[in-house]
N, C-alpha and C. Protein backbone atom coordinates (compact mmCIF):
# COMPACT_ATOMS: atom_id res chain seq x y z
N UNK A 1 -76.78 125.19 -113.72
CA UNK A 1 -76.73 126.19 -112.68
C UNK A 1 -75.53 125.91 -111.80
N UNK A 2 -74.62 126.81 -111.84
CA UNK A 2 -73.42 126.65 -111.03
C UNK A 2 -73.65 127.13 -109.62
N UNK A 3 -72.99 126.48 -108.70
CA UNK A 3 -72.99 126.93 -107.32
C UNK A 3 -74.15 126.42 -106.47
N UNK A 4 -75.14 125.73 -107.07
CA UNK A 4 -76.25 125.21 -106.28
C UNK A 4 -75.86 123.86 -105.69
N UNK A 5 -76.21 123.66 -104.49
CA UNK A 5 -75.90 122.44 -103.78
C UNK A 5 -77.08 121.49 -103.87
N UNK A 6 -76.86 120.27 -104.28
CA UNK A 6 -77.93 119.28 -104.31
C UNK A 6 -77.91 118.50 -103.01
N UNK A 7 -79.02 118.56 -102.28
CA UNK A 7 -79.12 117.88 -100.99
C UNK A 7 -80.34 116.98 -101.03
N UNK A 8 -80.16 115.74 -100.62
CA UNK A 8 -81.28 114.82 -100.60
C UNK A 8 -82.20 115.16 -99.43
N UNK A 9 -83.52 114.85 -99.55
CA UNK A 9 -84.44 115.12 -98.45
C UNK A 9 -84.10 114.35 -97.18
N UNK A 10 -83.47 113.19 -97.33
CA UNK A 10 -83.14 112.40 -96.15
C UNK A 10 -82.04 113.03 -95.31
N UNK A 11 -81.34 114.03 -95.87
CA UNK A 11 -80.30 114.71 -95.10
C UNK A 11 -80.91 115.57 -93.99
N UNK A 12 -82.16 116.01 -94.16
CA UNK A 12 -82.81 116.85 -93.17
C UNK A 12 -83.55 116.03 -92.12
N UNK A 13 -84.07 114.89 -92.50
CA UNK A 13 -84.85 114.06 -91.59
C UNK A 13 -84.31 112.65 -91.63
N UNK A 14 -83.82 112.19 -90.50
CA UNK A 14 -83.25 110.85 -90.44
C UNK A 14 -84.00 110.04 -89.39
N UNK A 15 -84.57 108.93 -89.82
CA UNK A 15 -85.26 108.04 -88.88
C UNK A 15 -84.20 107.28 -88.09
N UNK A 16 -84.38 107.14 -86.79
CA UNK A 16 -83.38 106.43 -85.98
C UNK A 16 -83.39 104.93 -86.27
N UNK A 17 -82.28 104.29 -85.97
CA UNK A 17 -82.21 102.84 -86.11
C UNK A 17 -82.76 102.19 -84.85
N UNK A 18 -83.03 100.91 -84.95
CA UNK A 18 -83.57 100.17 -83.81
C UNK A 18 -82.60 100.17 -82.63
N UNK A 19 -81.31 100.18 -82.90
CA UNK A 19 -80.33 100.16 -81.81
C UNK A 19 -80.31 101.47 -81.03
N UNK A 20 -80.87 102.55 -81.58
CA UNK A 20 -80.92 103.84 -80.88
C UNK A 20 -82.11 103.95 -79.93
N UNK A 21 -83.06 103.02 -80.02
CA UNK A 21 -84.21 103.06 -79.13
C UNK A 21 -83.80 102.64 -77.72
N UNK A 22 -84.39 103.30 -76.73
CA UNK A 22 -84.11 102.99 -75.34
C UNK A 22 -85.41 102.73 -74.60
N UNK A 23 -85.28 102.25 -73.39
CA UNK A 23 -86.44 101.97 -72.55
C UNK A 23 -87.24 103.26 -72.35
N UNK A 24 -88.57 103.16 -72.54
CA UNK A 24 -89.44 104.31 -72.36
C UNK A 24 -89.72 105.09 -73.63
N UNK A 25 -88.95 104.84 -74.71
CA UNK A 25 -89.20 105.52 -75.99
C UNK A 25 -90.47 104.97 -76.63
N UNK A 26 -91.15 105.82 -77.40
CA UNK A 26 -92.31 105.41 -78.17
C UNK A 26 -91.93 105.36 -79.64
N UNK A 27 -92.46 104.37 -80.37
CA UNK A 27 -92.28 104.31 -81.82
C UNK A 27 -93.52 103.68 -82.43
N UNK A 28 -93.63 103.81 -83.76
CA UNK A 28 -94.79 103.29 -84.47
C UNK A 28 -94.50 101.87 -84.93
N UNK A 29 -95.37 100.92 -84.53
CA UNK A 29 -95.25 99.53 -84.95
C UNK A 29 -96.64 99.07 -85.40
N UNK A 30 -96.77 98.62 -86.63
CA UNK A 30 -98.06 98.23 -87.22
C UNK A 30 -99.08 99.36 -87.11
N UNK A 31 -98.66 100.57 -87.46
CA UNK A 31 -99.51 101.77 -87.46
C UNK A 31 -100.09 102.09 -86.09
N UNK A 32 -99.41 101.70 -85.03
CA UNK A 32 -99.88 101.91 -83.66
C UNK A 32 -98.69 102.36 -82.81
N UNK A 33 -98.87 103.40 -81.98
CA UNK A 33 -97.76 103.80 -81.11
C UNK A 33 -97.57 102.79 -79.98
N UNK A 34 -96.33 102.38 -79.78
CA UNK A 34 -95.99 101.42 -78.73
C UNK A 34 -94.81 101.97 -77.92
N UNK A 35 -94.69 101.49 -76.68
CA UNK A 35 -93.62 101.92 -75.78
C UNK A 35 -92.66 100.76 -75.56
N UNK A 36 -91.37 101.07 -75.51
CA UNK A 36 -90.35 100.05 -75.25
C UNK A 36 -90.30 99.79 -73.76
N UNK A 37 -90.59 98.55 -73.36
CA UNK A 37 -90.52 98.15 -71.96
C UNK A 37 -89.09 97.76 -71.60
N UNK A 38 -88.49 96.90 -72.43
CA UNK A 38 -87.09 96.55 -72.26
C UNK A 38 -86.53 96.06 -73.58
N UNK A 39 -85.20 96.00 -73.65
CA UNK A 39 -84.51 95.64 -74.90
C UNK A 39 -83.41 94.65 -74.57
N UNK A 40 -83.28 93.61 -75.42
CA UNK A 40 -82.25 92.60 -75.23
C UNK A 40 -81.53 92.37 -76.55
N UNK A 41 -80.26 92.01 -76.48
CA UNK A 41 -79.50 91.61 -77.65
C UNK A 41 -79.50 90.09 -77.67
N UNK A 42 -79.94 89.50 -78.80
CA UNK A 42 -80.01 88.04 -78.90
C UNK A 42 -79.23 87.57 -80.12
N UNK A 43 -78.83 86.31 -80.11
CA UNK A 43 -78.16 85.69 -81.24
C UNK A 43 -79.02 84.52 -81.69
N UNK A 44 -79.38 84.52 -82.98
CA UNK A 44 -80.22 83.46 -83.53
C UNK A 44 -79.32 82.56 -84.37
N UNK A 45 -79.17 81.32 -83.98
CA UNK A 45 -78.31 80.39 -84.72
C UNK A 45 -76.85 80.56 -84.31
N UNK A 46 -75.97 79.74 -84.89
CA UNK A 46 -74.57 79.77 -84.48
C UNK A 46 -73.74 80.75 -85.30
N UNK A 47 -74.09 80.99 -86.57
CA UNK A 47 -73.26 81.85 -87.42
C UNK A 47 -73.97 83.14 -87.82
N UNK A 48 -75.05 83.46 -87.16
CA UNK A 48 -75.78 84.64 -87.58
C UNK A 48 -75.37 85.87 -86.78
N UNK A 49 -75.81 87.01 -87.23
CA UNK A 49 -75.53 88.26 -86.54
C UNK A 49 -76.49 88.42 -85.38
N UNK A 50 -76.13 89.28 -84.47
CA UNK A 50 -77.02 89.51 -83.33
C UNK A 50 -78.21 90.35 -83.77
N UNK A 51 -79.29 90.24 -83.04
CA UNK A 51 -80.51 90.98 -83.31
C UNK A 51 -80.99 91.61 -82.01
N UNK A 52 -81.93 92.53 -82.13
CA UNK A 52 -82.49 93.18 -80.96
C UNK A 52 -83.90 92.66 -80.72
N UNK A 53 -84.17 92.27 -79.49
CA UNK A 53 -85.50 91.82 -79.11
C UNK A 53 -86.09 92.88 -78.18
N UNK A 54 -87.19 93.48 -78.63
CA UNK A 54 -87.86 94.51 -77.85
C UNK A 54 -89.12 93.94 -77.23
N UNK A 55 -89.35 94.26 -75.98
CA UNK A 55 -90.62 93.97 -75.33
C UNK A 55 -91.39 95.28 -75.34
N UNK A 56 -92.54 95.29 -76.04
CA UNK A 56 -93.28 96.53 -76.25
C UNK A 56 -94.68 96.43 -75.67
N UNK A 57 -95.30 97.60 -75.48
CA UNK A 57 -96.65 97.67 -74.94
C UNK A 57 -97.36 98.83 -75.65
N UNK A 58 -98.56 98.56 -76.15
CA UNK A 58 -99.36 99.59 -76.79
C UNK A 58 -99.93 100.55 -75.76
N UNK A 59 -100.51 101.65 -76.21
CA UNK A 59 -101.06 102.65 -75.30
C UNK A 59 -102.17 102.09 -74.42
N UNK A 60 -103.00 101.19 -74.97
CA UNK A 60 -104.14 100.66 -74.24
C UNK A 60 -103.90 99.27 -73.68
N UNK A 61 -102.82 98.63 -74.02
CA UNK A 61 -102.58 97.25 -73.63
C UNK A 61 -102.09 97.15 -72.19
N UNK A 62 -102.40 96.04 -71.55
CA UNK A 62 -101.94 95.78 -70.19
C UNK A 62 -100.66 94.94 -70.19
N UNK A 63 -100.58 93.96 -71.08
CA UNK A 63 -99.42 93.07 -71.12
C UNK A 63 -98.36 93.59 -72.06
N UNK A 64 -97.38 92.74 -72.32
CA UNK A 64 -96.31 93.10 -73.26
C UNK A 64 -96.17 92.03 -74.31
N UNK A 65 -95.59 92.39 -75.44
CA UNK A 65 -95.32 91.43 -76.50
C UNK A 65 -93.90 91.67 -77.01
N UNK A 66 -93.34 90.67 -77.65
CA UNK A 66 -91.96 90.75 -78.10
C UNK A 66 -91.90 90.88 -79.62
N UNK A 67 -91.00 91.74 -80.10
CA UNK A 67 -90.72 91.88 -81.53
C UNK A 67 -89.21 91.88 -81.71
N UNK A 68 -88.76 91.43 -82.88
CA UNK A 68 -87.33 91.33 -83.15
C UNK A 68 -86.98 92.21 -84.34
N UNK A 69 -85.90 92.99 -84.20
CA UNK A 69 -85.40 93.87 -85.26
C UNK A 69 -83.92 93.62 -85.47
N UNK A 70 -83.44 93.93 -86.67
CA UNK A 70 -82.00 94.01 -86.93
C UNK A 70 -81.51 95.31 -86.29
N UNK A 71 -80.24 95.41 -86.02
CA UNK A 71 -79.69 96.64 -85.43
C UNK A 71 -79.87 97.83 -86.37
N UNK A 72 -79.83 97.59 -87.67
CA UNK A 72 -79.88 98.69 -88.64
C UNK A 72 -81.29 99.02 -89.13
N UNK A 73 -82.31 98.30 -88.67
CA UNK A 73 -83.69 98.60 -89.09
C UNK A 73 -84.09 100.00 -88.64
N UNK A 74 -84.76 100.72 -89.53
CA UNK A 74 -85.22 102.07 -89.21
C UNK A 74 -86.60 102.01 -88.57
N UNK A 75 -86.82 102.84 -87.55
CA UNK A 75 -88.11 102.91 -86.87
C UNK A 75 -88.59 104.35 -86.85
N UNK A 76 -89.88 104.52 -86.79
CA UNK A 76 -90.50 105.85 -86.75
C UNK A 76 -90.74 106.21 -85.29
N UNK A 77 -89.83 106.96 -84.71
CA UNK A 77 -89.89 107.33 -83.29
C UNK A 77 -90.82 108.53 -83.12
N UNK A 78 -91.68 108.49 -82.10
CA UNK A 78 -92.61 109.58 -81.85
C UNK A 78 -92.51 110.02 -80.39
N UNK A 79 -92.84 111.28 -80.16
CA UNK A 79 -92.90 111.81 -78.81
C UNK A 79 -94.37 111.87 -78.40
N UNK A 80 -94.71 111.25 -77.31
CA UNK A 80 -96.09 111.22 -76.84
C UNK A 80 -96.14 111.83 -75.44
N UNK A 81 -97.04 112.79 -75.28
CA UNK A 81 -97.24 113.41 -73.97
C UNK A 81 -98.66 113.12 -73.52
N UNK A 82 -98.78 112.59 -72.32
CA UNK A 82 -100.11 112.37 -71.74
C UNK A 82 -100.59 113.68 -71.15
N UNK A 83 -101.87 114.00 -71.42
CA UNK A 83 -102.45 115.25 -70.93
C UNK A 83 -103.76 114.95 -70.22
N UNK A 84 -104.20 115.91 -69.42
CA UNK A 84 -105.49 115.81 -68.75
C UNK A 84 -106.46 116.80 -69.38
N UNK A 85 -107.72 116.42 -69.40
CA UNK A 85 -108.75 117.29 -69.94
C UNK A 85 -110.09 116.98 -69.32
N UNK A 86 -111.02 117.88 -69.54
CA UNK A 86 -112.37 117.72 -69.01
C UNK A 86 -113.35 117.52 -70.16
N UNK A 87 -114.28 116.59 -70.00
CA UNK A 87 -115.29 116.32 -71.02
C UNK A 87 -116.32 117.44 -70.98
N UNK A 88 -116.48 118.14 -72.11
CA UNK A 88 -117.44 119.24 -72.19
C UNK A 88 -118.78 118.77 -72.71
N UNK A 89 -118.74 117.92 -73.76
CA UNK A 89 -120.00 117.39 -74.28
C UNK A 89 -119.78 115.96 -74.76
N UNK A 90 -120.88 115.20 -74.78
CA UNK A 90 -120.82 113.79 -75.20
C UNK A 90 -122.07 113.50 -76.01
N UNK A 91 -121.86 113.04 -77.24
CA UNK A 91 -122.96 112.64 -78.12
C UNK A 91 -122.59 111.27 -78.69
N UNK A 92 -123.24 110.22 -78.20
CA UNK A 92 -122.93 108.86 -78.65
C UNK A 92 -121.52 108.48 -78.23
N UNK A 93 -120.70 108.15 -79.23
CA UNK A 93 -119.31 107.80 -78.92
C UNK A 93 -118.34 108.94 -79.22
N UNK A 94 -118.85 110.14 -79.46
CA UNK A 94 -118.01 111.30 -79.72
C UNK A 94 -118.06 112.24 -78.52
N UNK A 95 -116.89 112.77 -78.15
CA UNK A 95 -116.82 113.71 -77.04
C UNK A 95 -116.03 114.95 -77.45
N UNK A 96 -116.27 116.01 -76.73
CA UNK A 96 -115.51 117.23 -76.89
C UNK A 96 -114.79 117.48 -75.58
N UNK A 97 -113.47 117.67 -75.65
CA UNK A 97 -112.62 117.84 -74.46
C UNK A 97 -112.09 119.25 -74.38
N UNK A 98 -111.81 119.69 -73.16
CA UNK A 98 -111.08 120.93 -72.95
C UNK A 98 -109.77 120.56 -72.27
N UNK A 99 -108.64 120.92 -72.91
CA UNK A 99 -107.32 120.66 -72.34
C UNK A 99 -107.19 121.45 -71.04
N UNK A 100 -106.74 120.79 -69.97
CA UNK A 100 -106.65 121.42 -68.65
C UNK A 100 -105.55 122.46 -68.57
N UNK A 101 -104.58 122.43 -69.47
CA UNK A 101 -103.47 123.38 -69.42
C UNK A 101 -103.68 124.55 -70.38
N UNK A 102 -103.97 124.24 -71.64
CA UNK A 102 -104.08 125.29 -72.66
C UNK A 102 -105.51 125.78 -72.87
N UNK A 103 -106.49 125.09 -72.31
CA UNK A 103 -107.92 125.42 -72.44
C UNK A 103 -108.43 125.36 -73.88
N UNK A 104 -107.72 124.66 -74.76
CA UNK A 104 -108.23 124.50 -76.12
C UNK A 104 -109.24 123.36 -76.17
N UNK A 105 -110.14 123.43 -77.13
CA UNK A 105 -111.20 122.43 -77.28
C UNK A 105 -110.79 121.42 -78.34
N UNK A 106 -110.94 120.13 -78.03
CA UNK A 106 -110.53 119.04 -78.93
C UNK A 106 -111.68 118.06 -79.09
N UNK A 107 -111.80 117.47 -80.27
CA UNK A 107 -112.82 116.45 -80.55
C UNK A 107 -112.16 115.08 -80.58
N UNK A 108 -112.87 114.08 -80.08
CA UNK A 108 -112.33 112.73 -80.04
C UNK A 108 -113.44 111.70 -80.08
N UNK A 109 -113.09 110.48 -80.45
CA UNK A 109 -113.99 109.34 -80.37
C UNK A 109 -113.70 108.60 -79.08
N UNK A 110 -114.73 108.11 -78.43
CA UNK A 110 -114.57 107.34 -77.20
C UNK A 110 -114.25 105.89 -77.55
N UNK A 111 -113.33 105.26 -76.83
CA UNK A 111 -113.13 103.82 -77.02
C UNK A 111 -114.35 103.06 -76.50
N UNK A 112 -114.60 101.90 -77.06
CA UNK A 112 -115.79 101.12 -76.73
C UNK A 112 -115.89 100.79 -75.25
N UNK A 113 -114.75 100.52 -74.60
CA UNK A 113 -114.78 100.13 -73.19
C UNK A 113 -115.05 101.31 -72.24
N UNK A 114 -114.98 102.55 -72.75
CA UNK A 114 -115.19 103.71 -71.88
C UNK A 114 -116.50 104.45 -72.15
N UNK A 115 -117.31 103.99 -73.09
CA UNK A 115 -118.53 104.71 -73.47
C UNK A 115 -119.47 104.89 -72.28
N UNK A 116 -119.68 103.86 -71.48
CA UNK A 116 -120.62 103.94 -70.36
C UNK A 116 -120.01 104.60 -69.12
N UNK A 117 -118.68 104.67 -69.04
CA UNK A 117 -118.02 105.20 -67.84
C UNK A 117 -117.85 106.71 -67.85
N UNK A 118 -117.74 107.32 -69.04
CA UNK A 118 -117.42 108.74 -69.13
C UNK A 118 -118.69 109.57 -69.32
N UNK A 119 -118.81 110.61 -68.50
CA UNK A 119 -119.94 111.53 -68.56
C UNK A 119 -119.43 112.96 -68.68
N UNK A 120 -120.34 113.89 -68.93
CA UNK A 120 -119.97 115.30 -69.02
C UNK A 120 -119.44 115.76 -67.66
N UNK A 121 -118.29 116.48 -67.68
CA UNK A 121 -117.68 116.97 -66.46
C UNK A 121 -116.57 116.09 -65.93
N UNK A 122 -116.42 114.87 -66.45
CA UNK A 122 -115.37 113.97 -65.99
C UNK A 122 -114.00 114.43 -66.49
N UNK A 123 -112.97 114.10 -65.72
CA UNK A 123 -111.60 114.38 -66.12
C UNK A 123 -111.02 113.10 -66.73
N UNK A 124 -110.37 113.23 -67.89
CA UNK A 124 -109.81 112.08 -68.60
C UNK A 124 -108.34 112.34 -68.93
N UNK A 125 -107.63 111.26 -69.18
CA UNK A 125 -106.26 111.32 -69.66
C UNK A 125 -106.30 111.03 -71.15
N UNK A 126 -105.59 111.86 -71.95
CA UNK A 126 -105.59 111.66 -73.40
C UNK A 126 -104.21 111.96 -73.97
N UNK A 127 -103.99 111.52 -75.19
CA UNK A 127 -102.78 111.83 -75.93
C UNK A 127 -103.18 112.40 -77.28
N UNK A 128 -102.31 113.24 -77.81
CA UNK A 128 -102.51 113.82 -79.13
C UNK A 128 -101.40 113.29 -80.03
N UNK A 129 -101.77 112.61 -81.12
CA UNK A 129 -100.79 112.01 -82.00
C UNK A 129 -101.21 112.23 -83.44
N UNK A 130 -100.40 112.92 -84.21
CA UNK A 130 -100.66 113.22 -85.63
C UNK A 130 -102.00 113.89 -85.83
N UNK A 131 -102.34 114.83 -84.97
CA UNK A 131 -103.58 115.57 -85.10
C UNK A 131 -104.81 114.82 -84.63
N UNK A 132 -104.64 113.63 -84.10
CA UNK A 132 -105.75 112.80 -83.63
C UNK A 132 -105.67 112.69 -82.11
N UNK A 133 -106.80 112.88 -81.44
CA UNK A 133 -106.85 112.81 -79.99
C UNK A 133 -107.39 111.44 -79.60
N UNK A 134 -106.69 110.77 -78.68
CA UNK A 134 -107.11 109.45 -78.24
C UNK A 134 -107.23 109.44 -76.72
N UNK A 135 -108.40 109.10 -76.22
CA UNK A 135 -108.65 109.06 -74.78
C UNK A 135 -108.15 107.72 -74.24
N UNK A 136 -107.35 107.77 -73.17
CA UNK A 136 -106.78 106.56 -72.60
C UNK A 136 -107.61 106.03 -71.42
N UNK A 137 -107.95 106.91 -70.49
CA UNK A 137 -108.71 106.44 -69.33
C UNK A 137 -109.37 107.61 -68.60
N UNK A 138 -110.25 107.24 -67.68
CA UNK A 138 -110.94 108.23 -66.84
C UNK A 138 -110.13 108.39 -65.57
N UNK A 139 -110.00 109.62 -65.09
CA UNK A 139 -109.23 109.88 -63.85
C UNK A 139 -110.14 109.85 -62.67
């Protein structure tokens, strides 16, 4: 077939490198979304190349932990928006939320530490990631 252009799928979607991450960005690390707290350039050994040391924090974590990447390592960057919603119903550890802005109804599982704290009518903060709703805290 003449005239057809062959384009690889990676030409349309390019994962950013670790050096493109900045403070406040979210990316997936060990199948969990984490936020970059700060970034440092370090040198390991006398003849080695420099590496990037990221201090990251998970959505539910209080402290920070350090991970090291090469400058050229690819990361899966995600956009996370925190939203507010109201609990409409609660059955065991499952709740139904109403988004405070769009008024759509969402289903979610309650984290173990919030099961006793959240009741019907409470306002909660949640995030939506890959079609899954995760409740972060009670407002």
